[in-house]
Amino acid sequence: MPPDELTDAMRLGSRNPLEDRNDNDLGRFGLGLKTASFSQCRQLTLVSRRDGMVACREWDLDLIKESPDSGWRLKVLGDHEIQQDECIVELLSLLHPTGTIVLLRKLDRYDGLEKKLNSLVENTRTHLELVFHRFLSPRRGKTRINISLNYGHLVAFNPFNPSHPATQELPSQSIHVNGRTVNIQPYVLPHYNKISRDEYQRNYPHCWIIWFLRVQYY
């Protein structure tokens, strides 16, 4: 991202929620990156390289706490400060010619237990594979994105398991809400004796939650 776009990405509430949303838009309200990061750490650094230029922006809650009257001021790191930060320099050496690093430091939700950390990493992997499965394995004509966690590529996890031979894909339906069309694709999942134990534990809890919420909504 260029410097101006990087600054905008670090702004709390950077977009008008009433604006029309692009079909490929991953964000909406301009709060997700910041609130998710601050729930885990006290220092959020965003570093981006594009066209050979490196830009860096940083939120540090401790600095804001030390000077509460000065307001929330986003820190802009220059080239000299970037080169003095060993962690950023190391991460930049691993970055592709174009890309962005989201760096969380001063973690205040981690108790130091490696077992718990490993469990959180695996839960995060499963969650990302579910939430972003349409981007990891998109329909024909849509752009595919790659997401890695600890150098391991995420694999799309579609909770409706459409590739299984016993899954039944029912005719799609359309409903109209406020002048817009919502397309619904229903599935009937395979009976539990037609899938493996791992498939059952991975797919069915998510689908029952989705089904329950839909029933409650209607």
N, C-alpha and C. Protein backbone atom coordinates (compact mmCIF):
# COMPACT_ATOMS: atom_id res chain seq x y z
N MET A 1 0.84 -1.19 0.00
CA MET A 1 0.00 0.00 0.00
C MET A 1 0.88 1.24 0.00
N PRO A 2 0.49 2.29 -0.71
CA PRO A 2 1.21 3.56 -0.64
C PRO A 2 0.99 4.20 0.73
N PRO A 3 1.83 5.18 1.10
CA PRO A 3 1.74 5.78 2.45
C PRO A 3 0.36 6.30 2.82
N ASP A 4 -0.31 7.00 1.90
CA ASP A 4 -1.63 7.55 2.24
C ASP A 4 -2.64 6.45 2.52
N GLU A 5 -2.58 5.39 1.72
CA GLU A 5 -3.49 4.27 1.93
C GLU A 5 -3.18 3.53 3.22
N LEU A 6 -1.89 3.47 3.58
CA LEU A 6 -1.48 2.83 4.83
C LEU A 6 -2.01 3.61 6.03
N THR A 7 -1.92 4.93 5.95
CA THR A 7 -2.46 5.77 7.02
C THR A 7 -3.96 5.58 7.16
N ASP A 8 -4.65 5.50 6.03
CA ASP A 8 -6.10 5.31 6.05
C ASP A 8 -6.46 3.95 6.65
N ALA A 9 -5.64 2.93 6.38
CA ALA A 9 -5.89 1.60 6.92
C ALA A 9 -5.76 1.58 8.44
N MET A 10 -4.96 2.49 8.99
CA MET A 10 -4.77 2.54 10.44
C MET A 10 -5.76 3.49 11.13
N ARG A 11 -6.56 4.16 10.34
CA ARG A 11 -7.55 5.07 10.92
C ARG A 11 -8.73 4.27 11.44
N LEU A 12 -9.20 4.63 12.63
CA LEU A 12 -10.35 3.96 13.23
C LEU A 12 -11.63 4.46 12.57
N GLY A 13 -12.35 3.55 11.92
CA GLY A 13 -13.56 3.95 11.22
C GLY A 13 -13.23 4.74 9.97
N SER A 14 -12.51 4.12 9.04
CA SER A 14 -11.98 4.85 7.89
C SER A 14 -12.95 4.97 6.73
N ARG A 15 -14.06 4.22 6.75
CA ARG A 15 -14.97 4.24 5.61
C ARG A 15 -16.40 4.51 6.06
N ASN A 16 -17.15 5.13 5.19
CA ASN A 16 -18.56 5.38 5.44
C ASN A 16 -19.33 4.08 5.23
N PRO A 17 -20.02 3.56 6.25
CA PRO A 17 -20.74 2.29 6.09
C PRO A 17 -21.89 2.36 5.10
N LEU A 18 -22.28 3.57 4.68
CA LEU A 18 -23.37 3.71 3.73
C LEU A 18 -22.90 3.62 2.28
N GLU A 19 -21.58 3.60 2.06
CA GLU A 19 -21.06 3.50 0.70
C GLU A 19 -21.37 2.12 0.13
N ASP A 20 -21.56 2.08 -1.20
CA ASP A 20 -21.77 0.80 -1.87
C ASP A 20 -20.54 -0.06 -1.70
N ARG A 21 -20.75 -1.34 -1.46
CA ARG A 21 -19.66 -2.26 -1.17
C ARG A 21 -19.31 -3.09 -2.40
N ASN A 22 -18.02 -3.18 -2.70
CA ASN A 22 -17.54 -4.00 -3.80
C ASN A 22 -17.73 -5.47 -3.49
N ASP A 23 -18.04 -6.28 -4.50
CA ASP A 23 -18.26 -7.71 -4.29
C ASP A 23 -17.05 -8.40 -3.69
N ASN A 24 -15.84 -7.90 -3.98
CA ASN A 24 -14.61 -8.53 -3.48
C ASN A 24 -14.06 -7.83 -2.25
N ASP A 25 -14.83 -6.95 -1.65
CA ASP A 25 -14.38 -6.18 -0.50
C ASP A 25 -14.32 -7.07 0.74
N LEU A 26 -13.13 -7.10 1.40
CA LEU A 26 -12.98 -7.91 2.61
C LEU A 26 -13.36 -7.14 3.88
N GLY A 27 -13.44 -5.83 3.80
CA GLY A 27 -13.74 -5.03 4.98
C GLY A 27 -14.93 -4.12 4.73
N ARG A 28 -15.38 -3.46 5.80
CA ARG A 28 -16.55 -2.61 5.64
C ARG A 28 -16.46 -1.35 6.49
N PHE A 29 -16.22 -1.48 7.77
CA PHE A 29 -16.34 -0.34 8.68
C PHE A 29 -15.00 0.28 9.08
N GLY A 30 -13.89 -0.35 8.71
CA GLY A 30 -12.59 0.22 9.04
C GLY A 30 -12.21 0.05 10.50
N LEU A 31 -12.75 -0.97 11.16
CA LEU A 31 -12.47 -1.21 12.58
C LEU A 31 -11.84 -2.57 12.85
N GLY A 32 -12.03 -3.54 11.95
CA GLY A 32 -11.63 -4.91 12.23
C GLY A 32 -10.16 -5.08 12.56
N LEU A 33 -9.27 -4.54 11.72
CA LEU A 33 -7.83 -4.69 11.94
C LEU A 33 -7.41 -4.13 13.29
N LYS A 34 -7.88 -2.94 13.61
CA LYS A 34 -7.46 -2.28 14.83
C LYS A 34 -8.04 -2.91 16.09
N THR A 35 -9.35 -3.16 16.10
CA THR A 35 -9.96 -3.72 17.30
C THR A 35 -9.49 -5.15 17.55
N ALA A 36 -9.33 -5.94 16.47
CA ALA A 36 -8.84 -7.31 16.65
C ALA A 36 -7.42 -7.30 17.21
N SER A 37 -6.60 -6.38 16.73
CA SER A 37 -5.21 -6.30 17.20
C SER A 37 -5.14 -5.82 18.64
N PHE A 38 -5.90 -4.78 18.96
CA PHE A 38 -5.85 -4.24 20.32
C PHE A 38 -6.45 -5.20 21.34
N SER A 39 -7.22 -6.16 20.89
CA SER A 39 -7.74 -7.16 21.82
C SER A 39 -6.64 -8.13 22.26
N GLN A 40 -5.50 -8.11 21.55
CA GLN A 40 -4.42 -9.04 21.84
C GLN A 40 -3.12 -8.34 22.23
N CYS A 41 -2.96 -7.09 21.86
CA CYS A 41 -1.67 -6.43 22.08
C CYS A 41 -1.86 -4.95 22.35
N ARG A 42 -0.74 -4.29 22.68
CA ARG A 42 -0.77 -2.85 22.95
C ARG A 42 0.02 -2.05 21.91
N GLN A 43 0.65 -2.75 20.99
CA GLN A 43 1.40 -2.06 19.94
C GLN A 43 1.13 -2.72 18.60
N LEU A 44 0.58 -1.96 17.67
CA LEU A 44 0.24 -2.46 16.34
C LEU A 44 1.06 -1.69 15.31
N THR A 45 1.83 -2.43 14.51
CA THR A 45 2.68 -1.82 13.48
C THR A 45 2.28 -2.37 12.12
N LEU A 46 2.09 -1.48 11.17
CA LEU A 46 1.75 -1.86 9.81
C LEU A 46 2.87 -1.39 8.89
N VAL A 47 3.47 -2.35 8.17
CA VAL A 47 4.58 -2.05 7.26
C VAL A 47 4.19 -2.54 5.87
N SER A 48 4.41 -1.69 4.87
CA SER A 48 4.03 -2.07 3.52
C SER A 48 5.11 -1.67 2.52
N ARG A 49 5.35 -2.57 1.56
CA ARG A 49 6.32 -2.28 0.50
C ARG A 49 5.61 -2.31 -0.85
N ARG A 50 5.85 -1.28 -1.63
CA ARG A 50 5.25 -1.19 -2.96
C ARG A 50 6.14 -0.34 -3.86
N ASP A 51 6.42 -0.86 -5.04
CA ASP A 51 7.27 -0.17 -6.01
C ASP A 51 8.61 0.23 -5.40
N GLY A 52 9.15 -0.65 -4.55
CA GLY A 52 10.45 -0.39 -3.94
C GLY A 52 10.43 0.55 -2.76
N MET A 53 9.28 1.10 -2.43
CA MET A 53 9.17 2.04 -1.30
C MET A 53 8.54 1.34 -0.10
N VAL A 54 9.07 1.63 1.09
CA VAL A 54 8.57 1.04 2.33
C VAL A 54 7.96 2.14 3.19
N ALA A 55 6.74 1.90 3.65
CA ALA A 55 6.05 2.84 4.53
C ALA A 55 5.65 2.11 5.80
N CYS A 56 5.64 2.83 6.91
CA CYS A 56 5.35 2.19 8.20
C CYS A 56 4.53 3.12 9.08
N ARG A 57 3.49 2.57 9.69
CA ARG A 57 2.64 3.32 10.62
C ARG A 57 2.46 2.47 11.88
N GLU A 58 2.28 3.13 13.02
CA GLU A 58 2.24 2.38 14.29
C GLU A 58 1.33 3.04 15.31
N TRP A 59 0.53 2.18 15.95
CA TRP A 59 -0.24 2.58 17.13
C TRP A 59 0.43 1.97 18.36
N ASP A 60 0.66 2.77 19.38
CA ASP A 60 1.23 2.28 20.64
C ASP A 60 0.37 2.82 21.78
N LEU A 61 -0.41 1.93 22.38
CA LEU A 61 -1.34 2.35 23.43
C LEU A 61 -0.63 2.88 24.66
N ASP A 62 0.60 2.42 24.91
CA ASP A 62 1.35 2.91 26.07
C ASP A 62 1.74 4.37 25.88
N LEU A 63 2.12 4.75 24.65
CA LEU A 63 2.46 6.15 24.37
C LEU A 63 1.23 7.04 24.51
N ILE A 64 0.09 6.53 24.08
CA ILE A 64 -1.15 7.30 24.21
C ILE A 64 -1.51 7.46 25.68
N LYS A 65 -1.29 6.41 26.46
CA LYS A 65 -1.59 6.47 27.89
C LYS A 65 -0.69 7.46 28.60
N GLU A 66 0.57 7.55 28.18
CA GLU A 66 1.51 8.48 28.82
C GLU A 66 1.15 9.93 28.55
N SER A 67 0.53 10.21 27.42
CA SER A 67 0.16 11.59 27.08
C SER A 67 -1.30 11.63 26.64
N PRO A 68 -2.22 11.41 27.58
CA PRO A 68 -3.64 11.32 27.20
C PRO A 68 -4.20 12.63 26.64
N ASP A 69 -3.62 13.77 27.03
CA ASP A 69 -4.15 15.06 26.59
C ASP A 69 -3.78 15.38 25.14
N SER A 70 -2.80 14.67 24.61
CA SER A 70 -2.35 14.95 23.24
C SER A 70 -3.22 14.25 22.20
N GLY A 71 -4.14 13.42 22.66
CA GLY A 71 -5.04 12.72 21.74
C GLY A 71 -4.38 11.51 21.12
N TRP A 72 -5.14 10.85 20.25
CA TRP A 72 -4.62 9.68 19.56
C TRP A 72 -3.83 10.13 18.34
N ARG A 73 -2.53 9.97 18.41
CA ARG A 73 -1.65 10.39 17.32
C ARG A 73 -0.96 9.16 16.73
N LEU A 74 -1.17 8.94 15.45
CA LEU A 74 -0.56 7.81 14.76
C LEU A 74 0.91 8.09 14.53
N LYS A 75 1.75 7.13 14.87
CA LYS A 75 3.20 7.30 14.70
C LYS A 75 3.60 6.93 13.28
N VAL A 76 4.34 7.82 12.64
CA VAL A 76 4.86 7.58 11.29
C VAL A 76 6.34 7.29 11.41
N LEU A 77 6.76 6.07 11.05
CA LEU A 77 8.15 5.67 11.15
C LEU A 77 8.86 5.98 9.84
N GLY A 78 9.97 6.74 9.92
CA GLY A 78 10.77 7.05 8.75
C GLY A 78 11.75 5.92 8.44
N ASP A 79 12.50 6.10 7.37
CA ASP A 79 13.45 5.06 6.93
C ASP A 79 14.46 4.73 8.02
N HIS A 80 14.96 5.76 8.71
CA HIS A 80 15.98 5.53 9.75
C HIS A 80 15.40 4.70 10.90
N GLU A 81 14.18 5.03 11.32
CA GLU A 81 13.54 4.29 12.42
C GLU A 81 13.25 2.85 12.00
N ILE A 82 12.87 2.66 10.75
CA ILE A 82 12.60 1.31 10.26
C ILE A 82 13.87 0.47 10.30
N GLN A 83 15.00 1.05 9.85
CA GLN A 83 16.26 0.31 9.82
C GLN A 83 16.78 0.02 11.23
N GLN A 84 16.38 0.82 12.21
CA GLN A 84 16.81 0.60 13.58
C GLN A 84 15.98 -0.47 14.29
N ASP A 85 14.87 -0.83 13.70
CA ASP A 85 13.99 -1.84 14.31
C ASP A 85 14.35 -3.21 13.74
N GLU A 86 15.05 -4.03 14.52
CA GLU A 86 15.54 -5.32 14.04
C GLU A 86 14.41 -6.25 13.63
N CYS A 87 13.30 -6.21 14.34
CA CYS A 87 12.17 -7.09 14.03
C CYS A 87 11.58 -6.75 12.66
N ILE A 88 11.39 -5.46 12.39
CA ILE A 88 10.83 -5.04 11.12
C ILE A 88 11.79 -5.38 9.97
N VAL A 89 13.08 -5.15 10.19
CA VAL A 89 14.08 -5.43 9.16
C VAL A 89 14.06 -6.92 8.80
N GLU A 90 13.97 -7.77 9.82
CA GLU A 90 13.95 -9.22 9.57
C GLU A 90 12.70 -9.62 8.79
N LEU A 91 11.56 -9.06 9.16
CA LEU A 91 10.32 -9.40 8.46
C LEU A 91 10.33 -8.89 7.02
N LEU A 92 10.92 -7.72 6.80
CA LEU A 92 11.00 -7.20 5.44
C LEU A 92 11.87 -8.08 4.54
N SER A 93 12.86 -8.73 5.15
CA SER A 93 13.72 -9.62 4.36
C SER A 93 12.96 -10.85 3.87
N LEU A 94 11.85 -11.18 4.54
CA LEU A 94 11.04 -12.33 4.15
C LEU A 94 9.87 -11.95 3.27
N LEU A 95 9.64 -10.65 3.13
CA LEU A 95 8.48 -10.16 2.39
C LEU A 95 8.74 -10.17 0.89
N HIS A 96 7.71 -10.42 0.13
CA HIS A 96 7.79 -10.35 -1.32
C HIS A 96 8.03 -8.90 -1.74
N PRO A 97 8.41 -8.67 -3.00
CA PRO A 97 8.64 -7.30 -3.45
C PRO A 97 7.48 -6.36 -3.16
N THR A 98 6.27 -6.91 -3.17
CA THR A 98 5.08 -6.12 -2.83
C THR A 98 4.29 -6.88 -1.77
N GLY A 99 3.97 -6.20 -0.68
CA GLY A 99 3.21 -6.87 0.38
C GLY A 99 3.11 -6.00 1.62
N THR A 100 2.34 -6.49 2.58
CA THR A 100 2.09 -5.74 3.82
C THR A 100 2.26 -6.66 5.02
N ILE A 101 2.88 -6.14 6.07
CA ILE A 101 3.11 -6.87 7.32
C ILE A 101 2.25 -6.25 8.41
N VAL A 102 1.52 -7.08 9.13
CA VAL A 102 0.78 -6.65 10.31
C VAL A 102 1.50 -7.24 11.51
N LEU A 103 2.14 -6.38 12.29
CA LEU A 103 2.99 -6.81 13.40
C LEU A 103 2.36 -6.44 14.74
N LEU A 104 2.11 -7.45 15.58
CA LEU A 104 1.54 -7.24 16.91
C LEU A 104 2.63 -7.44 17.95
N ARG A 105 2.85 -6.42 18.79
CA ARG A 105 3.84 -6.51 19.85
C ARG A 105 3.23 -6.04 21.17
N LYS A 106 3.96 -6.27 22.25
CA LYS A 106 3.46 -6.00 23.60
C LYS A 106 2.17 -6.78 23.84
N LEU A 107 2.24 -8.08 23.59
CA LEU A 107 1.07 -8.93 23.78
C LEU A 107 0.68 -8.96 25.26
N ASP A 108 -0.57 -8.69 25.55
CA ASP A 108 -1.02 -8.68 26.95
C ASP A 108 -2.12 -9.70 27.20
N ARG A 109 -2.29 -10.66 26.28
CA ARG A 109 -3.27 -11.73 26.48
C ARG A 109 -2.60 -13.10 26.42
N TYR A 110 -1.29 -13.12 26.39
CA TYR A 110 -0.55 -14.37 26.28
C TYR A 110 0.14 -14.67 27.60
N ASP A 111 -0.16 -15.82 28.19
CA ASP A 111 0.38 -16.16 29.50
C ASP A 111 1.68 -16.95 29.44
N GLY A 112 2.23 -17.18 28.24
CA GLY A 112 3.52 -17.84 28.11
C GLY A 112 3.45 -19.35 27.98
N LEU A 113 2.27 -19.94 28.01
CA LEU A 113 2.15 -21.39 27.90
C LEU A 113 2.16 -21.80 26.42
N GLU A 114 3.16 -22.59 26.02
CA GLU A 114 3.32 -22.98 24.62
C GLU A 114 2.15 -23.83 24.14
N LYS A 115 1.66 -24.72 25.01
CA LYS A 115 0.55 -25.58 24.62
C LYS A 115 -0.69 -24.76 24.28
N LYS A 116 -0.95 -23.75 25.08
CA LYS A 116 -2.11 -22.90 24.84
C LYS A 116 -1.91 -22.11 23.55
N LEU A 117 -0.69 -21.64 23.32
CA LEU A 117 -0.41 -20.88 22.10
C LEU A 117 -0.62 -21.75 20.87
N ASN A 118 -0.13 -22.99 20.89
CA ASN A 118 -0.32 -23.90 19.76
C ASN A 118 -1.79 -24.16 19.50
N SER A 119 -2.57 -24.29 20.57
CA SER A 119 -4.00 -24.51 20.42
C SER A 119 -4.67 -23.29 19.78
N LEU A 120 -4.25 -22.10 20.19
CA LEU A 120 -4.81 -20.88 19.61
C LEU A 120 -4.47 -20.77 18.12
N VAL A 121 -3.25 -21.16 17.77
CA VAL A 121 -2.84 -21.11 16.37
C VAL A 121 -3.70 -22.04 15.52
N GLU A 122 -3.93 -23.27 15.99
CA GLU A 122 -4.74 -24.22 15.24
C GLU A 122 -6.19 -23.78 15.14
N ASN A 123 -6.70 -23.22 16.24
CA ASN A 123 -8.08 -22.70 16.19
C ASN A 123 -8.19 -21.54 15.21
N THR A 124 -7.15 -20.71 15.18
CA THR A 124 -7.13 -19.59 14.24
C THR A 124 -7.10 -20.10 12.81
N ARG A 125 -6.29 -21.14 12.57
CA ARG A 125 -6.21 -21.71 11.22
C ARG A 125 -7.60 -22.21 10.77
N THR A 126 -8.25 -22.97 11.63
CA THR A 126 -9.57 -23.51 11.29
C THR A 126 -10.59 -22.39 11.04
N HIS A 127 -10.52 -21.37 11.88
CA HIS A 127 -11.46 -20.25 11.74
C HIS A 127 -11.25 -19.51 10.42
N LEU A 128 -10.00 -19.24 10.06
CA LEU A 128 -9.71 -18.52 8.82
C LEU A 128 -10.09 -19.35 7.60
N GLU A 129 -9.84 -20.66 7.66
CA GLU A 129 -10.18 -21.53 6.54
C GLU A 129 -11.69 -21.57 6.32
N LEU A 130 -12.45 -21.42 7.39
CA LEU A 130 -13.91 -21.40 7.27
C LEU A 130 -14.41 -20.05 6.78
N VAL A 131 -14.00 -18.98 7.45
CA VAL A 131 -14.53 -17.65 7.16
C VAL A 131 -14.17 -17.18 5.75
N PHE A 132 -12.95 -17.51 5.30
CA PHE A 132 -12.50 -17.01 4.00
C PHE A 132 -12.46 -18.09 2.93
N HIS A 133 -13.26 -19.15 3.10
CA HIS A 133 -13.19 -20.25 2.14
C HIS A 133 -13.61 -19.82 0.73
N ARG A 134 -14.50 -18.84 0.62
CA ARG A 134 -14.93 -18.39 -0.70
C ARG A 134 -13.83 -17.64 -1.44
N PHE A 135 -12.87 -17.10 -0.69
CA PHE A 135 -11.75 -16.40 -1.31
C PHE A 135 -10.58 -17.34 -1.55
N LEU A 136 -10.43 -18.33 -0.68
CA LEU A 136 -9.35 -19.31 -0.85
C LEU A 136 -9.64 -20.27 -2.01
N SER A 137 -10.93 -20.55 -2.22
CA SER A 137 -11.33 -21.42 -3.33
C SER A 137 -12.58 -20.83 -3.96
N PRO A 138 -12.43 -19.77 -4.76
CA PRO A 138 -13.57 -19.03 -5.28
C PRO A 138 -14.25 -19.73 -6.46
N ARG A 139 -15.44 -19.25 -6.77
CA ARG A 139 -16.15 -19.72 -7.96
C ARG A 139 -15.41 -19.24 -9.21
N ARG A 140 -15.75 -19.87 -10.32
CA ARG A 140 -15.13 -19.51 -11.59
C ARG A 140 -15.40 -18.04 -11.89
N GLY A 141 -14.36 -17.33 -12.30
CA GLY A 141 -14.49 -15.91 -12.61
C GLY A 141 -14.14 -14.99 -11.46
N LYS A 142 -13.98 -15.55 -10.24
CA LYS A 142 -13.61 -14.75 -9.07
C LYS A 142 -12.12 -14.88 -8.80
N THR A 143 -11.55 -13.87 -8.15
CA THR A 143 -10.12 -13.85 -7.87
C THR A 143 -9.79 -14.68 -6.63
N ARG A 144 -8.78 -15.51 -6.74
CA ARG A 144 -8.35 -16.34 -5.62
C ARG A 144 -7.25 -15.64 -4.85
N ILE A 145 -7.31 -15.73 -3.52
CA ILE A 145 -6.26 -15.17 -2.68
C ILE A 145 -5.56 -16.29 -1.93
N ASN A 146 -4.31 -16.05 -1.56
CA ASN A 146 -3.53 -17.01 -0.78
C ASN A 146 -3.29 -16.44 0.62
N ILE A 147 -3.55 -17.24 1.62
CA ILE A 147 -3.30 -16.86 3.01
C ILE A 147 -2.43 -17.93 3.65
N SER A 148 -1.37 -17.50 4.32
CA SER A 148 -0.47 -18.44 5.00
C SER A 148 -0.46 -18.15 6.48
N LEU A 149 -0.34 -19.19 7.27
CA LEU A 149 -0.22 -19.07 8.72
C LEU A 149 0.99 -19.88 9.15
N ASN A 150 2.00 -19.20 9.71
CA ASN A 150 3.26 -19.87 10.06
C ASN A 150 3.85 -20.62 8.86
N TYR A 151 3.85 -19.94 7.71
CA TYR A 151 4.41 -20.45 6.45
C TYR A 151 3.62 -21.62 5.86
N GLY A 152 2.49 -21.95 6.44
CA GLY A 152 1.65 -23.02 5.89
C GLY A 152 0.42 -22.43 5.22
N HIS A 153 0.19 -22.79 3.96
CA HIS A 153 -0.95 -22.25 3.22
C HIS A 153 -2.26 -22.77 3.80
N LEU A 154 -3.23 -21.88 3.92
CA LEU A 154 -4.55 -22.28 4.39
C LEU A 154 -5.30 -22.97 3.26
N VAL A 155 -6.11 -23.96 3.64
CA VAL A 155 -6.91 -24.73 2.68
C VAL A 155 -8.38 -24.40 2.93
N ALA A 156 -9.08 -24.04 1.88
CA ALA A 156 -10.48 -23.65 2.00
C ALA A 156 -11.31 -24.73 2.67
N PHE A 157 -12.13 -24.33 3.64
CA PHE A 157 -13.02 -25.26 4.33
C PHE A 157 -14.46 -24.82 4.12
N ASN A 158 -15.12 -25.46 3.16
CA ASN A 158 -16.53 -25.19 2.89
C ASN A 158 -17.37 -26.06 3.82
N PRO A 159 -18.11 -25.47 4.76
CA PRO A 159 -18.84 -26.27 5.76
C PRO A 159 -19.95 -27.13 5.17
N PHE A 160 -20.37 -26.83 3.92
CA PHE A 160 -21.43 -27.62 3.30
C PHE A 160 -20.89 -28.80 2.51
N ASN A 161 -19.57 -28.93 2.45
CA ASN A 161 -18.92 -30.11 1.86
C ASN A 161 -19.51 -30.47 0.49
N PRO A 162 -19.57 -29.52 -0.46
CA PRO A 162 -20.23 -29.79 -1.74
C PRO A 162 -19.50 -30.81 -2.61
N SER A 163 -18.21 -31.03 -2.37
CA SER A 163 -17.45 -31.97 -3.19
C SER A 163 -17.68 -33.43 -2.81
N HIS A 164 -18.32 -33.69 -1.66
CA HIS A 164 -18.57 -35.06 -1.23
C HIS A 164 -19.67 -35.68 -2.11
N PRO A 165 -19.49 -36.90 -2.59
CA PRO A 165 -20.47 -37.51 -3.50
C PRO A 165 -21.85 -37.69 -2.88
N ALA A 166 -21.93 -37.76 -1.55
CA ALA A 166 -23.23 -37.97 -0.90
C ALA A 166 -23.94 -36.66 -0.56
N THR A 167 -23.29 -35.54 -0.79
CA THR A 167 -23.93 -34.25 -0.54
C THR A 167 -24.93 -33.95 -1.65
N GLN A 168 -26.13 -33.53 -1.26
CA GLN A 168 -27.17 -33.21 -2.24
C GLN A 168 -27.26 -31.68 -2.40
N GLU A 169 -27.08 -31.24 -3.63
CA GLU A 169 -27.22 -29.81 -3.93
C GLU A 169 -28.62 -29.56 -4.47
N LEU A 170 -29.43 -28.84 -3.72
CA LEU A 170 -30.82 -28.58 -4.10
C LEU A 170 -30.90 -27.35 -5.02
N PRO A 171 -32.01 -27.18 -5.71
CA PRO A 171 -32.15 -26.02 -6.59
C PRO A 171 -32.00 -24.71 -5.83
N SER A 172 -31.27 -23.77 -6.42
CA SER A 172 -31.06 -22.48 -5.77
C SER A 172 -32.36 -21.68 -5.75
N GLN A 173 -32.46 -20.78 -4.79
CA GLN A 173 -33.65 -19.95 -4.63
C GLN A 173 -33.22 -18.49 -4.51
N SER A 174 -34.13 -17.60 -4.83
CA SER A 174 -33.85 -16.17 -4.73
C SER A 174 -34.96 -15.49 -3.95
N ILE A 175 -34.57 -14.59 -3.06
CA ILE A 175 -35.53 -13.78 -2.34
C ILE A 175 -35.17 -12.31 -2.56
N HIS A 176 -36.16 -11.44 -2.46
CA HIS A 176 -35.95 -10.02 -2.74
C HIS A 176 -36.12 -9.24 -1.43
N VAL A 177 -35.09 -8.47 -1.09
CA VAL A 177 -35.10 -7.68 0.14
C VAL A 177 -34.67 -6.26 -0.19
N ASN A 178 -35.55 -5.29 0.10
CA ASN A 178 -35.23 -3.87 -0.11
C ASN A 178 -34.73 -3.60 -1.53
N GLY A 179 -35.37 -4.22 -2.50
CA GLY A 179 -35.01 -3.98 -3.88
C GLY A 179 -33.79 -4.72 -4.37
N ARG A 180 -33.22 -5.58 -3.55
CA ARG A 180 -32.04 -6.36 -3.94
C ARG A 180 -32.38 -7.84 -3.91
N THR A 181 -31.62 -8.60 -4.69
CA THR A 181 -31.86 -10.04 -4.78
C THR A 181 -30.80 -10.79 -3.97
N VAL A 182 -31.27 -11.71 -3.12
CA VAL A 182 -30.39 -12.56 -2.33
C VAL A 182 -30.55 -13.99 -2.84
N ASN A 183 -29.45 -14.56 -3.33
CA ASN A 183 -29.47 -15.92 -3.84
C ASN A 183 -29.11 -16.91 -2.74
N ILE A 184 -29.89 -17.97 -2.61
CA ILE A 184 -29.68 -18.97 -1.56
C ILE A 184 -29.44 -20.33 -2.22
N GLN A 185 -28.35 -20.97 -1.80
CA GLN A 185 -28.03 -22.30 -2.33
C GLN A 185 -28.14 -23.32 -1.19
N PRO A 186 -29.22 -24.10 -1.14
CA PRO A 186 -29.38 -25.09 -0.06
C PRO A 186 -28.65 -26.40 -0.37
N TYR A 187 -28.23 -27.08 0.69
CA TYR A 187 -27.59 -28.40 0.57
C TYR A 187 -28.19 -29.34 1.62
N VAL A 188 -28.18 -30.62 1.29
CA VAL A 188 -28.49 -31.66 2.27
C VAL A 188 -27.19 -32.42 2.51
N LEU A 189 -26.72 -32.38 3.74
CA LEU A 189 -25.43 -33.00 4.07
C LEU A 189 -25.55 -34.52 4.13
N PRO A 190 -24.46 -35.22 3.89
CA PRO A 190 -24.48 -36.68 3.94
C PRO A 190 -24.82 -37.20 5.33
N HIS A 191 -25.43 -38.36 5.38
CA HIS A 191 -25.68 -39.02 6.66
C HIS A 191 -24.33 -39.33 7.32
N TYR A 192 -24.31 -39.32 8.65
CA TYR A 192 -23.02 -39.44 9.35
C TYR A 192 -22.32 -40.76 9.07
N ASN A 193 -23.07 -41.82 8.67
CA ASN A 193 -22.40 -43.09 8.41
C ASN A 193 -21.76 -43.14 7.01
N LYS A 194 -21.90 -42.05 6.23
CA LYS A 194 -21.29 -41.99 4.91
C LYS A 194 -20.03 -41.13 4.87
N ILE A 195 -19.65 -40.59 6.02
CA ILE A 195 -18.45 -39.76 6.08
C ILE A 195 -17.57 -40.25 7.22
N SER A 196 -16.31 -39.83 7.19
CA SER A 196 -15.37 -40.23 8.24
C SER A 196 -15.63 -39.45 9.51
N ARG A 197 -15.06 -39.93 10.59
CA ARG A 197 -15.22 -39.26 11.88
C ARG A 197 -14.64 -37.85 11.84
N ASP A 198 -13.47 -37.71 11.18
CA ASP A 198 -12.84 -36.39 11.08
C ASP A 198 -13.72 -35.42 10.31
N GLU A 199 -14.32 -35.89 9.20
CA GLU A 199 -15.21 -35.03 8.41
C GLU A 199 -16.42 -34.61 9.24
N TYR A 200 -16.96 -35.55 10.01
CA TYR A 200 -18.14 -35.25 10.83
C TYR A 200 -17.82 -34.17 11.86
N GLN A 201 -16.68 -34.33 12.55
CA GLN A 201 -16.32 -33.37 13.60
C GLN A 201 -15.97 -32.01 13.01
N ARG A 202 -15.46 -32.01 11.78
CA ARG A 202 -15.04 -30.75 11.17
C ARG A 202 -16.21 -30.00 10.54
N ASN A 203 -17.10 -30.70 9.87
CA ASN A 203 -18.15 -30.04 9.11
C ASN A 203 -19.43 -29.78 9.88
N TYR A 204 -19.92 -30.77 10.59
CA TYR A 204 -21.29 -30.70 11.09
C TYR A 204 -21.53 -29.67 12.19
N PRO A 205 -20.62 -29.46 13.13
CA PRO A 205 -20.92 -28.42 14.14
C PRO A 205 -21.17 -27.06 13.53
N HIS A 206 -20.41 -26.67 12.50
CA HIS A 206 -20.58 -25.38 11.86
C HIS A 206 -21.92 -25.31 11.13
N CYS A 207 -22.28 -26.36 10.45
CA CYS A 207 -23.52 -26.35 9.66
C CYS A 207 -24.75 -26.31 10.54
N TRP A 208 -24.71 -27.02 11.67
CA TRP A 208 -25.86 -26.97 12.57
C TRP A 208 -26.05 -25.57 13.13
N ILE A 209 -24.96 -24.87 13.39
CA ILE A 209 -25.06 -23.50 13.89
C ILE A 209 -25.69 -22.59 12.83
N ILE A 210 -25.22 -22.73 11.57
CA ILE A 210 -25.76 -21.92 10.49
C ILE A 210 -27.25 -22.21 10.30
N TRP A 211 -27.61 -23.51 10.29
CA TRP A 211 -29.02 -23.90 10.13
C TRP A 211 -29.87 -23.33 11.25
N PHE A 212 -29.40 -23.42 12.48
CA PHE A 212 -30.15 -22.95 13.63
C PHE A 212 -30.40 -21.45 13.53
N LEU A 213 -29.36 -20.70 13.14
CA LEU A 213 -29.50 -19.25 13.05
C LEU A 213 -30.50 -18.87 11.97
N ARG A 214 -30.49 -19.61 10.85
CA ARG A 214 -31.41 -19.31 9.78
C ARG A 214 -32.86 -19.58 10.20
N VAL A 215 -33.07 -20.69 10.92
CA VAL A 215 -34.42 -21.00 11.39
C VAL A 215 -34.91 -19.93 12.35
N GLN A 216 -34.04 -19.51 13.26
CA GLN A 216 -34.41 -18.49 14.21
C GLN A 216 -34.73 -17.17 13.52
N TYR A 217 -33.96 -16.86 12.46
CA TYR A 217 -34.17 -15.61 11.74
C TYR A 217 -35.52 -15.58 11.05
N TYR A 218 -35.87 -16.69 10.39
CA TYR A 218 -37.13 -16.69 9.67
C TYR A 218 -38.30 -16.93 10.62
